[in-house]
Amino acid sequence: MMGIEINLLANYPKIKRNTKERRANKTKSIRAVSRRFGKEFFDGDRLYGYGGFTYHPRFWEPVVPDFKKHFDLEKGCTILDVGCAKGFMLYDFKRLIPGIEVRGIDISEYAINNAMPEMKPLLQIADAKNLPFMDNAFDLVISINTVHNLEINDCLKALQEIERVSRGKSFITVDAFRNKDEEKKMSDWNLTARTIMHVDEWRKFFKKAGYSGDYYWFIP
């Protein structure tokens, strides 16, 4: 049985995105560089991605309480973040829920090597479609804006891996759209995603993958 659509990122600070500017500047070569998820993507020019990826508590601090309440998180609970980047979200989980146990994986060698020093021992380079953990290893698996960066068949594998290593609780967000206007904005904004679908298509895809967790959408 599939989980529910719920916006657990409702309290994440709203960021104004200039989709027209992104569309005007985006090229195949820029997208190719962005998809390496290296220094350029995280800490290079804004053309390639974040334009500087640094920690600030204002991003995840307001979000953690919603996860805590929704998933009944407490001391001793285990969380995996698939696509953890430099570990900022997991750092705030540890800070705001004392005694919680966290692990993170990311495909980016640059992100892991430049992770927060406090988090480095808990993070590792790994692929979302082949998670290096035992079955049912985590109370909760989270993946924010990561699964869609894979080709559709690999998206399926990643969802099945999230299902495999979780004990029944998970939450993901993926690039999506609900109408033509949102589809246009998504097309203009997207740099790295290889799989973008209508929300109804995503729901069918989740069922196909056997994904039973909760979910929401990234729409610029």
Protein backbone atom coordinates (compact mmCIF):
# COMPACT_ATOMS: atom_id res chain seq x y z
CA MET A 1 0.00 0.00 0.00
CA MET A 2 1.42 3.37 -1.04
CA GLY A 3 1.96 6.20 1.41
CA ILE A 4 0.47 9.66 1.27
CA GLU A 5 1.19 12.90 -0.55
CA ILE A 6 2.35 15.30 2.15
CA ASN A 7 4.46 18.44 2.01
CA LEU A 8 6.94 17.91 4.83
CA LEU A 9 9.02 20.75 3.37
CA ALA A 10 6.26 23.34 3.84
CA ASN A 11 8.43 25.27 6.30
CA TYR A 12 11.55 25.22 4.14
CA PRO A 13 12.30 28.87 3.25
CA LYS A 14 10.76 29.92 -0.04
CA ILE A 15 13.35 30.73 -2.69
CA LYS A 16 12.49 32.92 -5.66
CA ARG A 17 13.61 31.20 -8.84
CA ASN A 18 14.16 33.07 -12.09
CA THR A 19 13.11 30.39 -14.56
CA LYS A 20 13.36 32.73 -17.56
CA GLU A 21 16.98 33.58 -16.78
CA ARG A 22 17.82 29.91 -16.27
CA ARG A 23 16.23 29.03 -19.61
CA ALA A 24 18.14 31.79 -21.40
CA ASN A 25 21.51 30.72 -20.01
CA LYS A 26 21.13 26.95 -20.00
CA THR A 27 23.09 24.99 -22.61
CA LYS A 28 23.87 21.32 -23.17
CA SER A 29 27.44 21.89 -22.00
CA ILE A 30 26.28 23.61 -18.80
CA ARG A 31 23.88 20.75 -18.09
CA ALA A 32 26.66 18.23 -18.68
CA VAL A 33 28.87 19.97 -16.12
CA SER A 34 26.00 20.22 -13.62
CA ARG A 35 25.29 16.51 -13.93
CA ARG A 36 28.78 15.67 -12.72
CA PHE A 37 27.70 16.97 -9.28
CA GLY A 38 31.19 18.29 -8.69
CA LYS A 39 32.62 21.57 -7.45
CA GLU A 40 30.95 23.56 -10.25
CA PHE A 41 27.48 22.27 -9.30
CA PHE A 42 27.80 22.98 -5.58
CA ASP A 43 30.27 25.84 -5.25
CA GLY A 44 30.83 27.18 -8.75
CA ASP A 45 28.97 29.75 -10.79
CA ARG A 46 25.19 29.92 -10.30
CA LEU A 47 24.84 28.83 -13.93
CA TYR A 48 25.82 25.30 -12.91
CA GLY A 49 23.71 24.88 -9.80
CA TYR A 50 23.74 26.27 -6.27
CA GLY A 51 26.35 28.96 -6.75
CA GLY A 52 27.72 28.24 -3.27
CA PHE A 53 26.42 25.42 -1.08
CA THR A 54 26.92 26.35 2.57
CA TYR A 55 25.22 25.48 5.85
CA HIS A 56 22.68 27.76 7.49
CA PRO A 57 20.20 26.63 10.17
CA ARG A 58 17.37 28.64 8.63
CA PHE A 59 16.92 26.00 5.92
CA TRP A 60 16.39 22.70 7.73
CA GLU A 61 15.79 23.82 11.30
CA PRO A 62 12.12 24.69 10.61
CA VAL A 63 11.60 21.44 8.69
CA VAL A 64 12.93 18.87 11.17
CA PRO A 65 10.01 19.26 13.64
CA ASP A 66 7.53 18.30 10.92
CA PHE A 67 9.49 15.12 10.16
CA LYS A 68 9.78 14.40 13.87
CA LYS A 69 6.04 14.68 14.39
CA HIS A 70 4.97 12.85 11.22
CA PHE A 71 7.30 9.89 11.72
CA ASP A 72 7.39 9.85 15.55
CA LEU A 73 11.16 10.27 15.58
CA GLU A 74 12.98 10.04 18.88
CA LYS A 75 16.27 9.00 20.46
CA GLY A 76 17.55 5.77 18.95
CA CYS A 77 15.70 6.08 15.65
CA THR A 78 17.82 5.55 12.54
CA ILE A 79 17.63 7.75 9.42
CA LEU A 80 19.24 7.43 6.00
CA ASP A 81 19.44 10.39 3.61
CA VAL A 82 19.81 9.29 -0.02
CA GLY A 83 21.43 12.24 -1.77
CA CYS A 84 22.77 13.84 1.40
CA ALA A 85 25.22 16.25 -0.32
CA LYS A 86 27.35 17.84 2.44
CA GLY A 87 25.14 16.54 5.25
CA PHE A 88 23.35 19.75 6.22
CA MET A 89 19.92 18.20 6.75
CA LEU A 90 21.28 15.29 8.75
CA TYR A 91 23.30 17.67 10.90
CA ASP A 92 20.12 19.47 11.93
CA PHE A 93 18.33 16.18 12.56
CA LYS A 94 21.10 15.21 14.98
CA ARG A 95 21.11 18.64 16.57
CA LEU A 96 17.36 18.89 17.06
CA ILE A 97 16.58 15.26 17.96
CA PRO A 98 19.30 14.27 20.46
CA GLY A 99 20.26 10.62 20.31
CA ILE A 100 19.01 10.02 16.78
CA GLU A 101 21.28 7.98 14.52
CA VAL A 102 21.88 9.17 10.96
CA ARG A 103 23.68 8.02 7.84
CA GLY A 104 23.94 9.61 4.41
CA ILE A 105 25.01 8.65 0.92
CA ASP A 106 25.67 10.71 -2.18
CA ILE A 107 26.99 10.00 -5.66
CA SER A 108 29.12 13.15 -5.47
CA GLU A 109 32.69 12.57 -4.34
CA TYR A 110 33.07 16.34 -4.09
CA ALA A 111 30.09 16.73 -1.76
CA ILE A 112 31.21 13.95 0.57
CA ASN A 113 34.81 15.15 0.63
CA ASN A 114 33.62 18.68 1.45
CA ALA A 115 30.95 17.66 3.94
CA MET A 116 30.56 19.22 7.38
CA PRO A 117 33.46 17.89 9.48
CA GLU A 118 31.06 16.67 12.18
CA MET A 119 29.15 14.63 9.61
CA LYS A 120 31.95 13.10 7.53
CA PRO A 121 32.17 9.86 9.55
CA LEU A 122 28.46 9.28 8.90
CA LEU A 123 28.48 9.90 5.15
CA GLN A 124 29.78 7.89 2.22
CA ILE A 125 29.96 7.92 -1.56
CA ALA A 126 27.39 5.50 -2.94
CA ASP A 127 24.78 5.06 -5.65
CA ALA A 128 21.05 5.43 -4.96
CA LYS A 129 20.28 2.39 -7.12
CA ASN A 130 22.58 0.14 -5.09
CA LEU A 131 22.46 1.20 -1.44
CA PRO A 132 25.27 -0.36 0.65
CA PHE A 133 23.04 -1.35 3.56
CA MET A 134 21.20 -4.42 4.80
CA ASP A 135 17.47 -4.93 4.34
CA ASN A 136 15.30 -3.04 6.86
CA ALA A 137 18.32 -1.16 8.17
CA PHE A 138 16.63 2.20 8.86
CA ASP A 139 13.52 3.43 10.61
CA LEU A 140 13.23 6.21 8.03
CA VAL A 141 14.74 6.79 4.59
CA ILE A 142 14.60 10.30 3.10
CA SER A 143 15.52 11.37 -0.42
CA ILE A 144 15.04 15.01 -1.39
CA ASN A 145 15.27 15.91 -5.10
CA THR A 146 17.58 13.02 -5.94
CA VAL A 147 15.74 10.07 -7.50
CA HIS A 148 14.69 12.12 -10.54
CA ASN A 149 18.36 12.63 -11.50
CA LEU A 150 18.39 9.03 -12.75
CA GLU A 151 17.11 7.60 -16.02
CA ILE A 152 13.65 6.11 -15.59
CA ASN A 153 14.76 2.45 -15.23
CA ASP A 154 17.31 3.49 -12.61
CA CYS A 155 14.63 5.55 -10.84
CA LEU A 156 12.75 2.30 -10.45
CA LYS A 157 15.80 0.62 -8.92
CA ALA A 158 16.40 3.54 -6.54
CA LEU A 159 12.81 3.44 -5.29
CA GLN A 160 13.08 -0.31 -4.76
CA GLU A 161 16.34 0.18 -2.86
CA ILE A 162 14.74 2.82 -0.62
CA GLU A 163 11.92 0.36 0.03
CA ARG A 164 14.38 -2.45 0.76
CA VAL A 165 16.51 -0.67 3.35
CA SER A 166 13.62 1.03 5.19
CA ARG A 167 11.47 -0.53 7.88
CA GLY A 168 8.35 0.87 6.28
CA LYS A 169 8.82 4.63 6.59
CA SER A 170 10.21 6.82 3.83
CA PHE A 171 9.76 10.21 2.20
CA ILE A 172 10.90 11.43 -1.21
CA THR A 173 10.48 14.52 -3.37
CA VAL A 174 10.82 14.48 -7.15
CA ASP A 175 10.59 16.97 -10.01
CA ALA A 176 7.01 17.00 -11.26
CA PHE A 177 4.21 19.09 -12.75
CA ARG A 178 0.42 19.26 -12.54
CA ASN A 179 -0.38 21.35 -15.63
CA LYS A 180 1.16 22.82 -18.79
CA ASP A 181 2.35 25.98 -17.04
CA GLU A 182 4.21 24.00 -14.38
CA GLU A 183 5.62 21.70 -17.06
CA LYS A 184 7.04 24.72 -18.87
CA LYS A 185 8.58 26.15 -15.68
CA MET A 186 10.03 22.75 -14.83
CA SER A 187 11.57 22.47 -18.28
CA ASP A 188 13.04 25.98 -18.02
CA TRP A 189 14.49 25.41 -14.55
CA ASN A 190 15.76 21.85 -14.64
CA LEU A 191 19.51 21.30 -14.92
CA THR A 192 20.09 17.77 -13.67
CA ALA A 193 16.88 15.72 -13.64
CA ARG A 194 16.59 12.99 -16.26
CA THR A 195 13.10 11.82 -15.27
CA ILE A 196 10.28 14.37 -14.89
CA MET A 197 6.65 13.34 -14.97
CA HIS A 198 3.13 14.55 -14.29
CA VAL A 199 2.17 13.88 -10.67
CA ASP A 200 -0.32 11.20 -11.78
CA GLU A 201 2.40 9.44 -13.76
CA TRP A 202 4.69 9.51 -10.72
CA ARG A 203 1.98 7.92 -8.56
CA LYS A 204 1.58 5.07 -11.06
CA PHE A 205 5.36 4.72 -11.19
CA PHE A 206 5.59 4.51 -7.39
CA LYS A 207 3.08 1.63 -7.45
CA LYS A 208 5.03 -0.11 -10.21
CA ALA A 209 8.19 0.14 -8.12
CA GLY A 210 6.44 -1.13 -5.01
CA TYR A 211 7.28 2.09 -3.20
CA SER A 212 5.13 2.36 -0.07
CA GLY A 213 6.47 5.58 1.42
CA ASP A 214 5.24 9.16 1.50
CA TYR A 215 6.06 11.66 -1.21
CA TYR A 216 5.80 15.20 -2.49
CA TRP A 217 6.80 17.25 -5.53
CA PHE A 218 9.42 19.81 -6.44
CA ILE A 219 7.82 22.40 -8.73
CA PRO A 220 9.74 25.68 -9.27
